């Protein structure tokens, strides 16, 4: 299954809205896209292998998504770990809900669950 996205359907979120408290910054980021990947680097230049793999899976599936570079915002990087109760990056969210990190994303991709989740959204 492929959604056949165009390159402009992958975008980077540059900054969080610092006029809000941390919880509301995170919630605003999560609501900014149906599919968002909090990662090290961005879709064009991932800064770790796990982030690169997660981006490659999403690109392969052709799903439109946004990324947020957690290396550029230590407050979001730490706050999101607490918000999601998930200690590592990348973190994939679909409809504001945590799907998981690279290991879960890879496993879901391999068994078809990720395609099903994204198809239904």
PDB file of N, CA and C in Angstrom:
ATOM      1  N   UNK A   1       0.836  -1.165   0.000  1.00  0.00           N
ATOM      2  CA  UNK A   1       0.000   0.000   0.000  1.00  0.00           C
ATOM      3  C   UNK A   1       0.887   1.236   0.000  1.00  0.00           C
ATOM      4  N   UNK A   2       0.531   2.225  -0.799  1.00  0.00           N
ATOM      5  CA  UNK A   2       1.266   3.475  -0.814  1.00  0.00           C
ATOM      6  C   UNK A   2       0.305   4.631  -1.006  1.00  0.00           C
ATOM      7  N   UNK A   3       0.566   5.705  -0.297  1.00  0.00           N
ATOM      8  CA  UNK A   3      -0.260   6.893  -0.408  1.00  0.00           C
ATOM      9  C   UNK A   3       0.240   7.807  -1.513  1.00  0.00           C
ATOM     10  N   UNK A   4       1.438   7.510  -2.061  1.00  0.00           N
ATOM     11  CA  UNK A   4       2.039   8.294  -3.136  1.00  0.00           C
ATOM     12  C   UNK A   4       2.091   9.784  -2.811  1.00  0.00           C
ATOM     13  N   UNK A   5       2.821  10.120  -1.768  1.00  0.00           N
ATOM     14  CA  UNK A   5       2.917  11.515  -1.369  1.00  0.00           C
ATOM     15  C   UNK A   5       3.888  12.274  -2.260  1.00  0.00           C
ATOM     16  N   UNK A   6       3.736  13.551  -2.254  1.00  0.00           N
ATOM     17  CA  UNK A   6       4.675  14.450  -2.900  1.00  0.00           C
ATOM     18  C   UNK A   6       5.611  14.968  -1.826  1.00  0.00           C
ATOM     19  N   UNK A   7       6.797  15.407  -2.215  1.00  0.00           N
ATOM     20  CA  UNK A   7       7.771  15.884  -1.236  1.00  0.00           C
ATOM     21  C   UNK A   7       7.227  16.993  -0.348  1.00  0.00           C
ATOM     22  N   UNK A   8       6.312  17.810  -0.863  1.00  0.00           N
ATOM     23  CA  UNK A   8       5.810  18.913  -0.053  1.00  0.00           C
ATOM     24  C   UNK A   8       4.814  18.456   1.006  1.00  0.00           C
ATOM     25  N   UNK A   9       4.519  17.172   1.058  1.00  0.00           N
ATOM     26  CA  UNK A   9       3.633  16.673   2.098  1.00  0.00           C
ATOM     27  C   UNK A   9       4.418  16.177   3.311  1.00  0.00           C
ATOM     28  N   UNK A  10       5.716  16.364   3.274  1.00  0.00           N
ATOM     29  CA  UNK A  10       6.563  16.129   4.430  1.00  0.00           C
ATOM     30  C   UNK A  10       7.107  17.492   4.815  1.00  0.00           C
ATOM     31  N   UNK A  11       6.822  17.920   6.027  1.00  0.00           N
ATOM     32  CA  UNK A  11       7.299  19.239   6.425  1.00  0.00           C
ATOM     33  C   UNK A  11       7.877  19.192   7.825  1.00  0.00           C
ATOM     34  N   UNK A  12       8.681  20.177   8.094  1.00  0.00           N
ATOM     35  CA  UNK A  12       9.341  20.276   9.389  1.00  0.00           C
ATOM     36  C   UNK A  12       8.642  21.368  10.200  1.00  0.00           C
ATOM     37  N   UNK A  13       8.404  21.091  11.463  1.00  0.00           N
ATOM     38  CA  UNK A  13       7.909  22.107  12.387  1.00  0.00           C
ATOM     39  C   UNK A  13       9.151  22.721  13.012  1.00  0.00           C
ATOM     40  N   UNK A  14       9.330  23.997  12.796  1.00  0.00           N
ATOM     41  CA  UNK A  14      10.572  24.650  13.208  1.00  0.00           C
ATOM     42  C   UNK A  14      10.621  24.951  14.706  1.00  0.00           C
ATOM     43  N   UNK A  15       9.522  25.454  15.270  1.00  0.00           N
ATOM     44  CA  UNK A  15       9.533  25.853  16.677  1.00  0.00           C
ATOM     45  C   UNK A  15       8.179  25.602  17.320  1.00  0.00           C
ATOM     46  N   UNK A  16       8.219  25.472  18.626  1.00  0.00           N
ATOM     47  CA  UNK A  16       6.989  25.369  19.408  1.00  0.00           C
ATOM     48  C   UNK A  16       6.529  26.776  19.770  1.00  0.00           C
ATOM     49  N   UNK A  17       5.271  26.912  20.110  1.00  0.00           N
ATOM     50  CA  UNK A  17       4.704  28.201  20.510  1.00  0.00           C
ATOM     51  C   UNK A  17       5.095  28.486  21.957  1.00  0.00           C
ATOM     52  N   UNK A  18       6.138  29.265  22.137  1.00  0.00           N
ATOM     53  CA  UNK A  18       6.692  29.534  23.467  1.00  0.00           C
ATOM     54  C   UNK A  18       5.824  30.472  24.300  1.00  0.00           C
ATOM     55  N   UNK A  19       4.720  30.970  23.742  1.00  0.00           N
ATOM     56  CA  UNK A  19       3.804  31.789  24.537  1.00  0.00           C
ATOM     57  C   UNK A  19       2.926  30.919  25.427  1.00  0.00           C
ATOM     58  N   UNK A  20       2.943  29.608  25.206  1.00  0.00           N
ATOM     59  CA  UNK A  20       2.127  28.671  25.976  1.00  0.00           C
ATOM     60  C   UNK A  20       2.999  27.931  26.986  1.00  0.00           C
ATOM     61  N   UNK A  21       2.346  27.356  28.014  1.00  0.00           N
ATOM     62  CA  UNK A  21       3.110  26.513  28.935  1.00  0.00           C
ATOM     63  C   UNK A  21       3.500  25.231  28.199  1.00  0.00           C
ATOM     64  N   UNK A  22       4.403  24.465  28.794  1.00  0.00           N
ATOM     65  CA  UNK A  22       5.002  23.316  28.110  1.00  0.00           C
ATOM     66  C   UNK A  22       3.963  22.287  27.667  1.00  0.00           C
ATOM     67  N   UNK A  23       3.032  21.957  28.529  1.00  0.00           N
ATOM     68  CA  UNK A  23       2.010  20.969  28.172  1.00  0.00           C
ATOM     69  C   UNK A  23       1.217  21.429  26.950  1.00  0.00           C
ATOM     70  N   UNK A  24       0.850  22.708  26.916  1.00  0.00           N
ATOM     71  CA  UNK A  24       0.086  23.231  25.782  1.00  0.00           C
ATOM     72  C   UNK A  24       0.940  23.361  24.518  1.00  0.00           C
ATOM     73  N   UNK A  25       2.241  23.607  24.693  1.00  0.00           N
ATOM     74  CA  UNK A  25       3.144  23.595  23.533  1.00  0.00           C
ATOM     75  C   UNK A  25       3.134  22.215  22.888  1.00  0.00           C
ATOM     76  N   UNK A  26       3.261  21.185  23.719  1.00  0.00           N
ATOM     77  CA  UNK A  26       3.284  19.807  23.219  1.00  0.00           C
ATOM     78  C   UNK A  26       1.957  19.461  22.560  1.00  0.00           C
ATOM     79  N   UNK A  27       0.858  19.800  23.205  1.00  0.00           N
ATOM     80  CA  UNK A  27      -0.459  19.501  22.634  1.00  0.00           C
ATOM     81  C   UNK A  27      -0.682  20.235  21.317  1.00  0.00           C
ATOM     82  N   UNK A  28      -0.189  21.462  21.211  1.00  0.00           N
ATOM     83  CA  UNK A  28      -0.303  22.209  19.952  1.00  0.00           C
ATOM     84  C   UNK A  28       0.515  21.539  18.853  1.00  0.00           C
ATOM     85  N   UNK A  29       1.706  21.065  19.192  1.00  0.00           N
ATOM     86  CA  UNK A  29       2.518  20.345  18.206  1.00  0.00           C
ATOM     87  C   UNK A  29       1.805  19.074  17.757  1.00  0.00           C
ATOM     88  N   UNK A  30       1.269  18.323  18.716  1.00  0.00           N
ATOM     89  CA  UNK A  30       0.591  17.067  18.382  1.00  0.00           C
ATOM     90  C   UNK A  30      -0.632  17.295  17.506  1.00  0.00           C
ATOM     91  N   UNK A  31      -1.312  18.397  17.704  1.00  0.00           N
ATOM     92  CA  UNK A  31      -2.519  18.660  16.912  1.00  0.00           C
ATOM     93  C   UNK A  31      -2.202  19.311  15.566  1.00  0.00           C
ATOM     94  N   UNK A  32      -0.935  19.617  15.317  1.00  0.00           N
ATOM     95  CA  UNK A  32      -0.565  20.299  14.075  1.00  0.00           C
ATOM     96  C   UNK A  32      -0.538  19.377  12.861  1.00  0.00           C
ATOM     97  N   UNK A  33      -0.569  18.063  13.095  1.00  0.00           N
ATOM     98  CA  UNK A  33      -0.516  17.116  11.992  1.00  0.00           C
ATOM     99  C   UNK A  33      -1.124  15.792  12.432  1.00  0.00           C
ATOM    100  N   UNK A  34      -1.748  15.117  11.503  1.00  0.00           N
ATOM    101  CA  UNK A  34      -2.303  13.788  11.786  1.00  0.00           C
ATOM    102  C   UNK A  34      -1.187  12.817  12.165  1.00  0.00           C
ATOM    103  N   UNK A  35      -0.035  12.963  11.489  1.00  0.00           N
ATOM    104  CA  UNK A  35       1.124  12.102  11.739  1.00  0.00           C
ATOM    105  C   UNK A  35       2.322  13.010  11.992  1.00  0.00           C
ATOM    106  N   UNK A  36       2.930  12.854  13.161  1.00  0.00           N
ATOM    107  CA  UNK A  36       4.102  13.674  13.500  1.00  0.00           C
ATOM    108  C   UNK A  36       5.169  12.787  14.127  1.00  0.00           C
ATOM    109  N   UNK A  37       6.399  13.018  13.693  1.00  0.00           N
ATOM    110  CA  UNK A  37       7.551  12.274  14.186  1.00  0.00           C
ATOM    111  C   UNK A  37       8.475  13.247  14.911  1.00  0.00           C
ATOM    112  N   UNK A  38       8.630  13.041  16.217  1.00  0.00           N
ATOM    113  CA  UNK A  38       9.603  13.791  16.993  1.00  0.00           C
ATOM    114  C   UNK A  38      10.904  13.016  16.883  1.00  0.00           C
ATOM    115  N   UNK A  39      11.928  13.671  16.366  1.00  0.00           N
ATOM    116  CA  UNK A  39      13.138  12.947  15.985  1.00  0.00           C
ATOM    117  C   UNK A  39      14.381  13.797  16.192  1.00  0.00           C
ATOM    118  N   UNK A  40      15.525  13.166  16.028  1.00  0.00           N
ATOM    119  CA  UNK A  40      16.796  13.875  16.032  1.00  0.00           C
ATOM    120  C   UNK A  40      17.107  14.239  14.592  1.00  0.00           C
ATOM    121  N   UNK A  41      17.106  15.540  14.300  1.00  0.00           N
ATOM    122  CA  UNK A  41      17.304  16.017  12.940  1.00  0.00           C
ATOM    123  C   UNK A  41      15.965  16.249  12.266  1.00  0.00           C
ATOM    124  N   UNK A  42      15.971  16.202  10.942  1.00  0.00           N
ATOM    125  CA  UNK A  42      14.726  16.377  10.191  1.00  0.00           C
ATOM    126  C   UNK A  42      14.661  15.344   9.071  1.00  0.00           C
ATOM    127  N   UNK A  43      13.587  15.377   8.310  1.00  0.00           N
ATOM    128  CA  UNK A  43      13.388  14.336   7.293  1.00  0.00           C
ATOM    129  C   UNK A  43      14.468  14.351   6.211  1.00  0.00           C
ATOM    130  N   UNK A  44      15.069  15.502   5.976  1.00  0.00           N
ATOM    131  CA  UNK A  44      16.124  15.588   4.970  1.00  0.00           C
ATOM    132  C   UNK A  44      17.501  15.212   5.519  1.00  0.00           C
ATOM    133  N   UNK A  45      17.670  15.386   6.843  1.00  0.00           N
ATOM    134  CA  UNK A  45      18.968  15.095   7.451  1.00  0.00           C
ATOM    135  C   UNK A  45      18.773  14.544   8.868  1.00  0.00           C
ATOM    136  N   UNK A  46      18.358  13.284   8.970  1.00  0.00           N
ATOM    137  CA  UNK A  46      18.231  12.672  10.300  1.00  0.00           C
ATOM    138  C   UNK A  46      19.593  12.642  10.992  1.00  0.00           C
ATOM    139  N   UNK A  47      19.580  12.820  12.308  1.00  0.00           N
ATOM    140  CA  UNK A  47      20.826  12.886  13.070  1.00  0.00           C
ATOM    141  C   UNK A  47      21.138  11.599  13.834  1.00  0.00           C
ATOM    142  N   UNK A  48      20.350  10.552  13.625  1.00  0.00           N
ATOM    143  CA  UNK A  48      20.675   9.246  14.202  1.00  0.00           C
ATOM    144  C   UNK A  48      20.040   8.165  13.329  1.00  0.00           C
ATOM    145  N   UNK A  49      20.542   6.971  13.450  1.00  0.00           N
ATOM    146  CA  UNK A  49      20.065   5.865  12.623  1.00  0.00           C
ATOM    147  C   UNK A  49      18.610   5.507  12.879  1.00  0.00           C
ATOM    148  N   UNK A  50      18.173   5.604  14.129  1.00  0.00           N
ATOM    149  CA  UNK A  50      16.787   5.264  14.448  1.00  0.00           C
ATOM    150  C   UNK A  50      15.831   6.268  13.799  1.00  0.00           C
ATOM    151  N   UNK A  51      16.189   7.550  13.860  1.00  0.00           N
ATOM    152  CA  UNK A  51      15.367   8.570  13.211  1.00  0.00           C
ATOM    153  C   UNK A  51      15.366   8.369  11.702  1.00  0.00           C
ATOM    154  N   UNK A  52      16.527   8.055  11.134  1.00  0.00           N
ATOM    155  CA  UNK A  52      16.621   7.826   9.688  1.00  0.00           C
ATOM    156  C   UNK A  52      15.736   6.657   9.271  1.00  0.00           C
ATOM    157  N   UNK A  53      15.739   5.594  10.048  1.00  0.00           N
ATOM    158  CA  UNK A  53      14.922   4.425   9.728  1.00  0.00           C
ATOM    159  C   UNK A  53      13.429   4.761   9.801  1.00  0.00           C
ATOM    160  N   UNK A  54      13.034   5.490  10.826  1.00  0.00           N
ATOM    161  CA  UNK A  54      11.622   5.861  10.978  1.00  0.00           C
ATOM    162  C   UNK A  54      11.150   6.732   9.818  1.00  0.00           C
ATOM    163  N   UNK A  55      11.971   7.696   9.433  1.00  0.00           N
ATOM    164  CA  UNK A  55      11.637   8.548   8.286  1.00  0.00           C
ATOM    165  C   UNK A  55      11.532   7.698   7.022  1.00  0.00           C
ATOM    166  N   UNK A  56      12.471   6.781   6.832  1.00  0.00           N
ATOM    167  CA  UNK A  56      12.463   5.932   5.633  1.00  0.00           C
ATOM    168  C   UNK A  56      11.182   5.101   5.557  1.00  0.00           C
ATOM    169  N   UNK A  57      10.733   4.573   6.681  1.00  0.00           N
ATOM    170  CA  UNK A  57       9.491   3.786   6.689  1.00  0.00           C
ATOM    171  C   UNK A  57       8.315   4.657   6.292  1.00  0.00           C
ATOM    172  N   UNK A  58       8.205   5.833   6.913  1.00  0.00           N
ATOM    173  CA  UNK A  58       7.066   6.719   6.601  1.00  0.00           C
ATOM    174  C   UNK A  58       7.113   7.177   5.147  1.00  0.00           C
ATOM    175  N   UNK A  59       8.307   7.496   4.648  1.00  0.00           N
ATOM    176  CA  UNK A  59       8.438   7.890   3.240  1.00  0.00           C
ATOM    177  C   UNK A  59       8.055   6.731   2.323  1.00  0.00           C
ATOM    178  N   UNK A  60       8.506   5.533   2.663  1.00  0.00           N
ATOM    179  CA  UNK A  60       8.193   4.359   1.852  1.00  0.00           C
ATOM    180  C   UNK A  60       6.679   4.132   1.774  1.00  0.00           C
ATOM    181  N   UNK A  61       6.008   4.342   2.889  1.00  0.00           N
ATOM    182  CA  UNK A  61       4.554   4.168   2.908  1.00  0.00           C
ATOM    183  C   UNK A  61       3.826   5.318   2.218  1.00  0.00           C
ATOM    184  N   UNK A  62       4.531   6.436   2.037  1.00  0.00           N
ATOM    185  CA  UNK A  62       3.935   7.561   1.341  1.00  0.00           C
ATOM    186  C   UNK A  62       2.942   8.346   2.159  1.00  0.00           C
ATOM    187  N   UNK A  63       3.032   8.249   3.458  1.00  0.00           N
ATOM    188  CA  UNK A  63       2.093   8.966   4.310  1.00  0.00           C
ATOM    189  C   UNK A  63       2.574  10.409   4.527  1.00  0.00           C
ATOM    190  N   UNK A  64       1.684  11.392   4.391  1.00  0.00           N
ATOM    191  CA  UNK A  64       2.074  12.772   4.723  1.00  0.00           C
ATOM    192  C   UNK A  64       2.370  12.862   6.223  1.00  0.00           C
ATOM    193  N   UNK A  65       3.461  13.525   6.573  1.00  0.00           N
ATOM    194  CA  UNK A  65       3.797  13.667   7.986  1.00  0.00           C
ATOM    195  C   UNK A  65       4.641  14.904   8.217  1.00  0.00           C
ATOM    196  N   UNK A  66       4.702  15.311   9.479  1.00  0.00           N
ATOM    197  CA  UNK A  66       5.559  16.409   9.897  1.00  0.00           C
ATOM    198  C   UNK A  66       6.592  15.859  10.863  1.00  0.00           C
ATOM    199  N   UNK A  67       7.709  16.557  10.933  1.00  0.00           N
ATOM    200  CA  UNK A  67       8.740  16.194  11.895  1.00  0.00           C
ATOM    201  C   UNK A  67       9.036  17.387  12.789  1.00  0.00           C
ATOM    202  N   UNK A  68       9.547  17.087  13.966  1.00  0.00           N
ATOM    203  CA  UNK A  68      10.023  18.115  14.890  1.00  0.00           C
ATOM    204  C   UNK A  68      11.389  17.673  15.388  1.00  0.00           C
ATOM    205  N   UNK A  69      12.377  18.534  15.202  1.00  0.00           N
ATOM    206  CA  UNK A  69      13.754  18.231  15.600  1.00  0.00           C
ATOM    207  C   UNK A  69      13.920  18.528  17.089  1.00  0.00           C
ATOM    208  N   UNK A  70      13.943  17.476  17.901  1.00  0.00           N
ATOM    209  CA  UNK A  70      14.024  17.655  19.343  1.00  0.00           C
ATOM    210  C   UNK A  70      15.404  18.156  19.785  1.00  0.00           C
ATOM    211  N   UNK A  71      16.398  18.088  18.911  1.00  0.00           N
ATOM    212  CA  UNK A  71      17.733  18.595  19.251  1.00  0.00           C
ATOM    213  C   UNK A  71      17.753  20.122  19.321  1.00  0.00           C
ATOM    214  N   UNK A  72      16.765  20.760  18.700  1.00  0.00           N
ATOM    215  CA  UNK A  72      16.699  22.220  18.692  1.00  0.00           C
ATOM    216  C   UNK A  72      15.907  22.795  19.853  1.00  0.00           C
ATOM    217  N   UNK A  73      15.301  21.947  20.680  1.00  0.00           N
ATOM    218  CA  UNK A  73      14.444  22.451  21.754  1.00  0.00           C
ATOM    219  C   UNK A  73      14.522  21.499  22.950  1.00  0.00           C
ATOM    220  N   UNK A  74      15.421  21.794  23.877  1.00  0.00           N
ATOM    221  CA  UNK A  74      15.627  20.900  25.023  1.00  0.00           C
ATOM    222  C   UNK A  74      14.392  20.828  25.915  1.00  0.00           C
ATOM    223  N   UNK A  75      13.625  21.896  25.984  1.00  0.00           N
ATOM    224  CA  UNK A  75      12.412  21.895  26.809  1.00  0.00           C
ATOM    225  C   UNK A  75      11.377  20.904  26.254  1.00  0.00           C
ATOM    226  N   UNK A  76      11.150  20.939  24.952  1.00  0.00           N
ATOM    227  CA  UNK A  76      10.227  19.979  24.325  1.00  0.00           C
ATOM    228  C   UNK A  76      10.808  18.574  24.415  1.00  0.00           C
ATOM    229  N   UNK A  77      12.098  18.433  24.173  1.00  0.00           N
ATOM    230  CA  UNK A  77      12.737  17.110  24.223  1.00  0.00           C
ATOM    231  C   UNK A  77      12.502  16.436  25.576  1.00  0.00           C
ATOM    232  N   UNK A  78      12.725  17.153  26.655  1.00  0.00           N
ATOM    233  CA  UNK A  78      12.535  16.572  27.984  1.00  0.00           C
ATOM    234  C   UNK A  78      11.052  16.477  28.329  1.00  0.00           C
ATOM    235  N   UNK A  79      10.294  17.519  28.013  1.00  0.00           N
ATOM    236  CA  UNK A  79       8.871  17.553  28.348  1.00  0.00           C
ATOM    237  C   UNK A  79       8.081  16.455  27.659  1.00  0.00           C
ATOM    238  N   UNK A  80       8.411  16.155  26.419  1.00  0.00           N
ATOM    239  CA  UNK A  80       7.683  15.125  25.680  1.00  0.00           C
ATOM    240  C   UNK A  80       7.950  13.740  26.272  1.00  0.00           C
ATOM    241  N   UNK A  81       9.172  13.520  26.774  1.00  0.00           N
ATOM    242  CA  UNK A  81       9.476  12.244  27.433  1.00  0.00           C
ATOM    243  C   UNK A  81       8.539  12.034  28.623  1.00  0.00           C
ATOM    244  N   UNK A  82       8.323  13.083  29.382  1.00  0.00           N
ATOM    245  CA  UNK A  82       7.446  13.001  30.550  1.00  0.00           C
ATOM    246  C   UNK A  82       5.978  12.920  30.128  1.00  0.00           C
ATOM    247  N   UNK A  83       5.611  13.708  29.132  1.00  0.00           N
ATOM    248  CA  UNK A  83       4.228  13.736  28.639  1.00  0.00           C
ATOM    249  C   UNK A  83       3.801  12.354  28.146  1.00  0.00           C
ATOM    250  N   UNK A  84       4.690  11.709  27.397  1.00  0.00           N
ATOM    251  CA  UNK A  84       4.361  10.423  26.774  1.00  0.00           C
ATOM    252  C   UNK A  84       4.765   9.224  27.629  1.00  0.00           C
ATOM    253  N   UNK A  85       5.571   9.488  28.653  1.00  0.00           N
ATOM    254  CA  UNK A  85       6.148   8.403  29.454  1.00  0.00           C
ATOM    255  C   UNK A  85       6.935   7.441  28.559  1.00  0.00           C
ATOM    256  N   UNK A  86       7.645   8.028  27.595  1.00  0.00           N
ATOM    257  CA  UNK A  86       8.468   7.265  26.653  1.00  0.00           C
ATOM    258  C   UNK A  86       9.851   7.922  26.644  1.00  0.00           C
ATOM    259  N   UNK A  87      10.910   7.200  27.023  1.00  0.00           N
ATOM    260  CA  UNK A  87      12.192   7.845  27.291  1.00  0.00           C
ATOM    261  C   UNK A  87      13.085   8.121  26.094  1.00  0.00           C
ATOM    262  N   UNK A  88      12.778   7.575  24.924  1.00  0.00           N
ATOM    263  CA  UNK A  88      13.716   7.678  23.807  1.00  0.00           C
ATOM    264  C   UNK A  88      13.072   8.325  22.584  1.00  0.00           C
ATOM    265  N   UNK A  89      13.934   8.676  21.636  1.00  0.00           N
ATOM    266  CA  UNK A  89      13.505   9.242  20.352  1.00  0.00           C
ATOM    267  C   UNK A  89      14.085   8.386  19.239  1.00  0.00           C
ATOM    268  N   UNK A  90      13.364   8.331  18.116  1.00  0.00           N
ATOM    269  CA  UNK A  90      12.178   9.099  17.741  1.00  0.00           C
ATOM    270  C   UNK A  90      10.913   8.594  18.440  1.00  0.00           C
ATOM    271  N   UNK A  91       9.886   9.454  18.378  1.00  0.00           N
ATOM    272  CA  UNK A  91       8.550   9.108  18.865  1.00  0.00           C
ATOM    273  C   UNK A  91       7.560   9.451  17.758  1.00  0.00           C
ATOM    274  N   UNK A  92       6.756   8.466  17.368  1.00  0.00           N
ATOM    275  CA  UNK A  92       5.745   8.675  16.334  1.00  0.00           C
ATOM    276  C   UNK A  92       4.374   8.821  16.985  1.00  0.00           C
ATOM    277  N   UNK A  93       3.653   9.848  16.557  1.00  0.00           N
ATOM    278  CA  UNK A  93       2.289  10.085  17.017  1.00  0.00           C
ATOM    279  C   UNK A  93       1.349  10.083  15.824  1.00  0.00           C
ATOM    280  N   UNK A  94       0.208   9.450  15.986  1.00  0.00           N
ATOM    281  CA  UNK A  94      -0.853   9.470  14.981  1.00  0.00           C
ATOM    282  C   UNK A  94      -2.117   9.942  15.696  1.00  0.00           C
ATOM    283  N   UNK A  95      -2.733  10.979  15.167  1.00  0.00           N
ATOM    284  CA  UNK A  95      -3.913  11.582  15.788  1.00  0.00           C
ATOM    285  C   UNK A  95      -3.671  11.925  17.251  1.00  0.00           C
ATOM    286  N   UNK A  96      -2.482  12.447  17.557  1.00  0.00           N
ATOM    287  CA  UNK A  96      -2.162  12.891  18.900  1.00  0.00           C
ATOM    288  C   UNK A  96      -1.842  11.793  19.888  1.00  0.00           C
ATOM    289  N   UNK A  97      -1.833  10.553  19.428  1.00  0.00           N
ATOM    290  CA  UNK A  97      -1.561   9.423  20.322  1.00  0.00           C
ATOM    291  C   UNK A  97      -0.204   8.801  19.979  1.00  0.00           C
ATOM    292  N   UNK A  98       0.553   8.487  21.028  1.00  0.00           N
ATOM    293  CA  UNK A  98       1.855   7.865  20.832  1.00  0.00           C
ATOM    294  C   UNK A  98       1.692   6.473  20.241  1.00  0.00           C
ATOM    295  N   UNK A  99       2.379   6.227  19.130  1.00  0.00           N
ATOM    296  CA  UNK A  99       2.441   4.887  18.542  1.00  0.00           C
ATOM    297  C   UNK A  99       3.637   4.153  19.153  1.00  0.00           C
ATOM    298  N   UNK A 100       4.778   4.843  19.217  1.00  0.00           N
ATOM    299  CA  UNK A 100       5.970   4.260  19.808  1.00  0.00           C
ATOM    300  C   UNK A 100       7.228   4.793  19.157  1.00  0.00           C
ATOM    301  N   UNK A 101       8.326   4.137  19.482  1.00  0.00           N
ATOM    302  CA  UNK A 101       9.614   4.511  18.932  1.00  0.00           C
ATOM    303  C   UNK A 101       9.954   3.693  17.704  1.00  0.00           C
ATOM    304  N   UNK A 102      11.197   3.794  17.279  1.00  0.00           N
ATOM    305  CA  UNK A 102      11.641   3.127  16.060  1.00  0.00           C
ATOM    306  C   UNK A 102      11.434   1.620  16.096  1.00  0.00           C
ATOM    307  N   UNK A 103      11.687   0.997  17.241  1.00  0.00           N
ATOM    308  CA  UNK A 103      11.540  -0.465  17.311  1.00  0.00           C
ATOM    309  C   UNK A 103      10.090  -0.888  17.096  1.00  0.00           C
ATOM    310  N   UNK A 104       9.173  -0.184  17.712  1.00  0.00           N
ATOM    311  CA  UNK A 104       7.748  -0.500  17.551  1.00  0.00           C
ATOM    312  C   UNK A 104       7.291  -0.155  16.134  1.00  0.00           C
ATOM    313  N   UNK A 105       7.720   0.994  15.636  1.00  0.00           N
ATOM    314  CA  UNK A 105       7.380   1.411  14.274  1.00  0.00           C
ATOM    315  C   UNK A 105       7.854   0.365  13.259  1.00  0.00           C
ATOM    316  N   UNK A 106       9.080  -0.118  13.422  1.00  0.00           N
ATOM    317  CA  UNK A 106       9.634  -1.124  12.511  1.00  0.00           C
ATOM    318  C   UNK A 106       8.854  -2.429  12.597  1.00  0.00           C
ATOM    319  N   UNK A 107       8.567  -2.871  13.819  1.00  0.00           N
ATOM    320  CA  UNK A 107       7.806  -4.112  13.990  1.00  0.00           C
ATOM    321  C   UNK A 107       6.405  -3.980  13.388  1.00  0.00           C
ATOM    322  N   UNK A 108       5.754  -2.846  13.641  1.00  0.00           N
ATOM    323  CA  UNK A 108       4.411  -2.634  13.091  1.00  0.00           C
ATOM    324  C   UNK A 108       4.437  -2.591  11.563  1.00  0.00           C
ATOM    325  N   UNK A 109       5.487  -1.986  11.001  1.00  0.00           N
ATOM    326  CA  UNK A 109       5.634  -1.939   9.549  1.00  0.00           C
ATOM    327  C   UNK A 109       5.794  -3.357   8.994  1.00  0.00           C
ATOM    328  N   UNK A 110       6.650  -4.148   9.635  1.00  0.00           N
ATOM    329  CA  UNK A 110       6.938  -5.492   9.144  1.00  0.00           C
ATOM    330  C   UNK A 110       5.724  -6.417   9.209  1.00  0.00           C
ATOM    331  N   UNK A 111       4.859  -6.235  10.215  1.00  0.00           N
ATOM    332  CA  UNK A 111       3.690  -7.122  10.313  1.00  0.00           C
ATOM    333  C   UNK A 111       2.424  -6.517   9.707  1.00  0.00           C
ATOM    334  N   UNK A 112       2.528  -5.301   9.145  1.00  0.00           N
ATOM    335  CA  UNK A 112       1.392  -4.688   8.456  1.00  0.00           C
ATOM    336  C   UNK A 112       0.490  -3.837   9.328  1.00  0.00           C
ATOM    337  N   UNK A 113       0.731  -3.822  10.641  1.00  0.00           N
ATOM    338  CA  UNK A 113      -0.122  -3.031  11.538  1.00  0.00           C
ATOM    339  C   UNK A 113       0.009  -1.536  11.299  1.00  0.00           C
ATOM    340  N   UNK A 114       1.213  -1.066  10.967  1.00  0.00           N
ATOM    341  CA  UNK A 114       1.407   0.360  10.732  1.00  0.00           C
ATOM    342  C   UNK A 114       0.632   0.808   9.495  1.00  0.00           C
ATOM    343  N   UNK A 115       0.691   0.009   8.432  1.00  0.00           N
ATOM    344  CA  UNK A 115      -0.052   0.336   7.219  1.00  0.00           C
ATOM    345  C   UNK A 115      -1.543   0.416   7.531  1.00  0.00           C
ATOM    346  N   UNK A 116      -2.040  -0.507   8.327  1.00  0.00           N
ATOM    347  CA  UNK A 116      -3.448  -0.518   8.691  1.00  0.00           C
ATOM    348  C   UNK A 116      -3.814   0.710   9.518  1.00  0.00           C
ATOM    349  N   UNK A 117      -2.971   1.057  10.486  1.00  0.00           N
ATOM    350  CA  UNK A 117      -3.212   2.234  11.315  1.00  0.00           C
ATOM    351  C   UNK A 117      -3.261   3.501  10.474  1.00  0.00           C
ATOM    352  N   UNK A 118      -2.319   3.636   9.567  1.00  0.00           N
ATOM    353  CA  UNK A 118      -2.234   4.847   8.753  1.00  0.00           C
ATOM    354  C   UNK A 118      -3.336   4.887   7.693  1.00  0.00           C
ATOM    355  N   UNK A 119      -3.746   3.746   7.221  1.00  0.00           N
ATOM    356  CA  UNK A 119      -4.831   3.679   6.231  1.00  0.00           C
ATOM    357  C   UNK A 119      -6.136   4.159   6.850  1.00  0.00           C
ATOM    358  N   UNK A 120      -6.327   3.859   8.117  1.00  0.00           N
ATOM    359  CA  UNK A 120      -7.569   4.204   8.797  1.00  0.00           C
ATOM    360  C   UNK A 120      -7.581   5.636   9.319  1.00  0.00           C
ATOM    361  N   UNK A 121      -6.515   6.363   9.070  1.00  0.00           N
ATOM    362  CA  UNK A 121      -6.452   7.743   9.560  1.00  0.00           C
ATOM    363  C   UNK A 121      -6.357   8.724   8.432  1.00  0.00           C
TER     364      UNK A 121
END
